[in-house]
């Protein structure tokens, strides 16, 4: 009986992990490709995954308006993709554990979006 319970728990844990991976992937698709501002959110994730920064540093790095960056940071934080340390002006933004565990999905989606963007730009140049 104990052995059966261990097997069932192990199986359920694997199923829960698989379910979570699928949900995170769906969330990333929605936030990056399914909503306006997805490209800005993707750029923010890409930048802070390389080096944690505060909102002002992110805005300077990406040449985006500070308030726009703050909005996207709030969206990413509410969806548990980033986390913070500190407070006020010096608050630093980091990828969350959930995002770190799923960075391969982020880059998979990011690459797909980038290819589509290049294709759209090439079509506009031809017109």
C-alpha atoms as a PDB file:
ATOM      1  CA  UNK A   1       0.000   0.000   0.000  1.00  0.00           C
ATOM      2  CA  UNK A   2       2.786   2.439   0.931  1.00  0.00           C
ATOM      3  CA  UNK A   3       4.557   1.693  -2.333  1.00  0.00           C
ATOM      4  CA  UNK A   4       1.387   2.423  -4.304  1.00  0.00           C
ATOM      5  CA  UNK A   5       0.933   5.756  -2.514  1.00  0.00           C
ATOM      6  CA  UNK A   6       4.526   6.737  -3.313  1.00  0.00           C
ATOM      7  CA  UNK A   7       4.014   5.899  -6.984  1.00  0.00           C
ATOM      8  CA  UNK A   8       0.763   7.883  -7.098  1.00  0.00           C
ATOM      9  CA  UNK A   9       2.377  10.912  -5.397  1.00  0.00           C
ATOM     10  CA  UNK A  10       5.315  10.784  -7.782  1.00  0.00           C
ATOM     11  CA  UNK A  11       2.982  10.557 -10.785  1.00  0.00           C
ATOM     12  CA  UNK A  12       0.839  13.448  -9.518  1.00  0.00           C
ATOM     13  CA  UNK A  13       3.926  15.572  -8.962  1.00  0.00           C
ATOM     14  CA  UNK A  14       5.038  14.935 -12.562  1.00  0.00           C
ATOM     15  CA  UNK A  15       1.551  15.764 -13.831  1.00  0.00           C
ATOM     16  CA  UNK A  16       1.459  18.983 -11.787  1.00  0.00           C
ATOM     17  CA  UNK A  17       4.888  19.995 -13.131  1.00  0.00           C
ATOM     18  CA  UNK A  18       3.766  19.287 -16.702  1.00  0.00           C
ATOM     19  CA  UNK A  19       0.569  21.273 -16.118  1.00  0.00           C
ATOM     20  CA  UNK A  20       2.549  24.215 -14.688  1.00  0.00           C
ATOM     21  CA  UNK A  21       4.943  24.207 -17.661  1.00  0.00           C
ATOM     22  CA  UNK A  22       2.027  24.344 -20.079  1.00  0.00           C
ATOM     23  CA  UNK A  23       0.405  27.173 -18.124  1.00  0.00           C
ATOM     24  CA  UNK A  24       3.616  29.226 -18.022  1.00  0.00           C
ATOM     25  CA  UNK A  25       4.106  28.727 -21.747  1.00  0.00           C
ATOM     26  CA  UNK A  26       0.531  29.895 -22.402  1.00  0.00           C
ATOM     27  CA  UNK A  27       1.058  32.906 -20.132  1.00  0.00           C
ATOM     28  CA  UNK A  28       4.256  33.851 -21.971  1.00  0.00           C
ATOM     29  CA  UNK A  29       2.532  33.552 -25.361  1.00  0.00           C
ATOM     30  CA  UNK A  30      -0.319  35.744 -24.157  1.00  0.00           C
ATOM     31  CA  UNK A  31       1.891  38.421 -22.560  1.00  0.00           C
ATOM     32  CA  UNK A  32       4.396  38.561 -25.431  1.00  0.00           C
ATOM     33  CA  UNK A  33       2.381  37.875 -28.567  1.00  0.00           C
ATOM     34  CA  UNK A  34      -1.270  38.157 -27.646  1.00  0.00           C
ATOM     35  CA  UNK A  35      -1.411  41.631 -26.135  1.00  0.00           C
ATOM     36  CA  UNK A  36      -0.258  45.085 -27.116  1.00  0.00           C
ATOM     37  CA  UNK A  37       3.048  45.907 -25.509  1.00  0.00           C
ATOM     38  CA  UNK A  38       4.291  42.343 -25.818  1.00  0.00           C
ATOM     39  CA  UNK A  39       7.470  43.358 -27.620  1.00  0.00           C
ATOM     40  CA  UNK A  40       8.322  45.847 -24.872  1.00  0.00           C
ATOM     41  CA  UNK A  41       7.660  43.218 -22.188  1.00  0.00           C
ATOM     42  CA  UNK A  42       9.871  40.763 -24.057  1.00  0.00           C
ATOM     43  CA  UNK A  43      12.680  43.293 -24.269  1.00  0.00           C
ATOM     44  CA  UNK A  44      12.370  43.968 -20.539  1.00  0.00           C
ATOM     45  CA  UNK A  45      12.528  40.248 -19.692  1.00  0.00           C
ATOM     46  CA  UNK A  46      15.504  39.818 -21.989  1.00  0.00           C
ATOM     47  CA  UNK A  47      17.394  42.728 -20.391  1.00  0.00           C
ATOM     48  CA  UNK A  48      16.769  41.818 -16.738  1.00  0.00           C
ATOM     49  CA  UNK A  49      17.555  38.156 -17.368  1.00  0.00           C
ATOM     50  CA  UNK A  50      21.093  39.277 -18.249  1.00  0.00           C
ATOM     51  CA  UNK A  51      21.470  41.891 -15.515  1.00  0.00           C
ATOM     52  CA  UNK A  52      19.038  43.026 -12.791  1.00  0.00           C
ATOM     53  CA  UNK A  53      18.192  46.720 -13.125  1.00  0.00           C
ATOM     54  CA  UNK A  54      15.906  49.387 -11.722  1.00  0.00           C
ATOM     55  CA  UNK A  55      13.117  50.886 -13.831  1.00  0.00           C
ATOM     56  CA  UNK A  56      15.156  53.939 -14.848  1.00  0.00           C
ATOM     57  CA  UNK A  57      18.082  51.804 -16.022  1.00  0.00           C
ATOM     58  CA  UNK A  58      15.704  49.614 -18.034  1.00  0.00           C
ATOM     59  CA  UNK A  59      14.103  52.682 -19.636  1.00  0.00           C
ATOM     60  CA  UNK A  60      17.542  54.066 -20.566  1.00  0.00           C
ATOM     61  CA  UNK A  61      18.791  50.714 -21.865  1.00  0.00           C
ATOM     62  CA  UNK A  62      15.730  50.137 -24.064  1.00  0.00           C
ATOM     63  CA  UNK A  63      15.119  53.792 -25.011  1.00  0.00           C
ATOM     64  CA  UNK A  64      11.557  53.580 -23.663  1.00  0.00           C
ATOM     65  CA  UNK A  65       9.545  56.057 -21.629  1.00  0.00           C
ATOM     66  CA  UNK A  66       9.959  55.517 -17.866  1.00  0.00           C
ATOM     67  CA  UNK A  67       6.186  55.338 -17.252  1.00  0.00           C
ATOM     68  CA  UNK A  68       5.819  52.780 -20.048  1.00  0.00           C
ATOM     69  CA  UNK A  69       8.521  50.627 -18.471  1.00  0.00           C
ATOM     70  CA  UNK A  70       6.854  50.893 -15.050  1.00  0.00           C
ATOM     71  CA  UNK A  71       3.532  49.778 -16.558  1.00  0.00           C
ATOM     72  CA  UNK A  72       5.110  46.720 -18.192  1.00  0.00           C
ATOM     73  CA  UNK A  73       7.037  45.879 -15.014  1.00  0.00           C
ATOM     74  CA  UNK A  74       3.738  45.960 -13.084  1.00  0.00           C
ATOM     75  CA  UNK A  75       2.124  43.609 -15.627  1.00  0.00           C
ATOM     76  CA  UNK A  76       5.064  41.195 -15.427  1.00  0.00           C
ATOM     77  CA  UNK A  77       5.129  41.339 -11.614  1.00  0.00           C
ATOM     78  CA  UNK A  78       1.370  40.729 -11.306  1.00  0.00           C
ATOM     79  CA  UNK A  79       1.822  37.650 -13.503  1.00  0.00           C
ATOM     80  CA  UNK A  80       4.685  36.372 -11.301  1.00  0.00           C
ATOM     81  CA  UNK A  81       7.302  36.551 -14.055  1.00  0.00           C
ATOM     82  CA  UNK A  82       9.525  39.056 -12.270  1.00  0.00           C
ATOM     83  CA  UNK A  83      10.339  39.837  -8.673  1.00  0.00           C
ATOM     84  CA  UNK A  84      11.811  42.845  -6.897  1.00  0.00           C
ATOM     85  CA  UNK A  85      14.262  43.729  -4.160  1.00  0.00           C
ATOM     86  CA  UNK A  86      14.487  47.060  -2.428  1.00  0.00           C
ATOM     87  CA  UNK A  87      12.014  49.908  -2.534  1.00  0.00           C
ATOM     88  CA  UNK A  88      11.400  53.262  -4.107  1.00  0.00           C
ATOM     89  CA  UNK A  89      13.639  54.566  -6.858  1.00  0.00           C
ATOM     90  CA  UNK A  90      16.307  51.914  -6.245  1.00  0.00           C
ATOM     91  CA  UNK A  91      13.936  48.943  -6.532  1.00  0.00           C
ATOM     92  CA  UNK A  92      15.701  46.269  -8.584  1.00  0.00           C
ATOM     93  CA  UNK A  93      13.879  43.883 -10.919  1.00  0.00           C
ATOM     94  CA  UNK A  94      14.863  40.237 -11.362  1.00  0.00           C
ATOM     95  CA  UNK A  95      13.384  37.262 -13.228  1.00  0.00           C
ATOM     96  CA  UNK A  96      11.221  35.186 -10.887  1.00  0.00           C
ATOM     97  CA  UNK A  97      11.969  31.529 -10.159  1.00  0.00           C
ATOM     98  CA  UNK A  98       9.043  30.593 -12.400  1.00  0.00           C
ATOM     99  CA  UNK A  99      10.527  32.564 -15.287  1.00  0.00           C
ATOM    100  CA  UNK A 100      14.051  31.284 -14.648  1.00  0.00           C
ATOM    101  CA  UNK A 101      12.737  27.702 -14.745  1.00  0.00           C
ATOM    102  CA  UNK A 102      11.023  28.437 -18.071  1.00  0.00           C
ATOM    103  CA  UNK A 103      13.516  30.681 -19.871  1.00  0.00           C
ATOM    104  CA  UNK A 104      13.770  28.168 -22.726  1.00  0.00           C
ATOM    105  CA  UNK A 105      10.068  28.800 -23.446  1.00  0.00           C
ATOM    106  CA  UNK A 106      10.604  32.546 -23.260  1.00  0.00           C
ATOM    107  CA  UNK A 107      13.418  32.392 -25.841  1.00  0.00           C
ATOM    108  CA  UNK A 108      11.456  29.964 -28.010  1.00  0.00           C
ATOM    109  CA  UNK A 109       8.546  32.429 -28.135  1.00  0.00           C
ATOM    110  CA  UNK A 110      10.843  35.463 -28.374  1.00  0.00           C
ATOM    111  CA  UNK A 111      12.629  33.954 -31.388  1.00  0.00           C
ATOM    112  CA  UNK A 112       9.284  33.223 -33.063  1.00  0.00           C
ATOM    113  CA  UNK A 113       8.038  36.762 -32.505  1.00  0.00           C
ATOM    114  CA  UNK A 114      11.341  38.197 -33.775  1.00  0.00           C
ATOM    115  CA  UNK A 115      11.089  36.186 -37.013  1.00  0.00           C
ATOM    116  CA  UNK A 116       7.544  37.416 -37.582  1.00  0.00           C
ATOM    117  CA  UNK A 117       8.586  41.010 -36.923  1.00  0.00           C
ATOM    118  CA  UNK A 118      11.445  40.768 -39.466  1.00  0.00           C
ATOM    119  CA  UNK A 119       9.066  39.241 -42.004  1.00  0.00           C
ATOM    120  CA  UNK A 120       6.586  42.115 -41.469  1.00  0.00           C
ATOM    121  CA  UNK A 121       9.380  44.715 -41.811  1.00  0.00           C
ATOM    122  CA  UNK A 122      10.593  43.111 -45.064  1.00  0.00           C
ATOM    123  CA  UNK A 123       7.046  43.170 -46.493  1.00  0.00           C
ATOM    124  CA  UNK A 124       6.713  46.879 -45.656  1.00  0.00           C
ATOM    125  CA  UNK A 125      10.028  47.677 -47.389  1.00  0.00           C
ATOM    126  CA  UNK A 126       8.875  45.880 -50.578  1.00  0.00           C
ATOM    127  CA  UNK A 127       5.638  47.887 -50.766  1.00  0.00           C
END
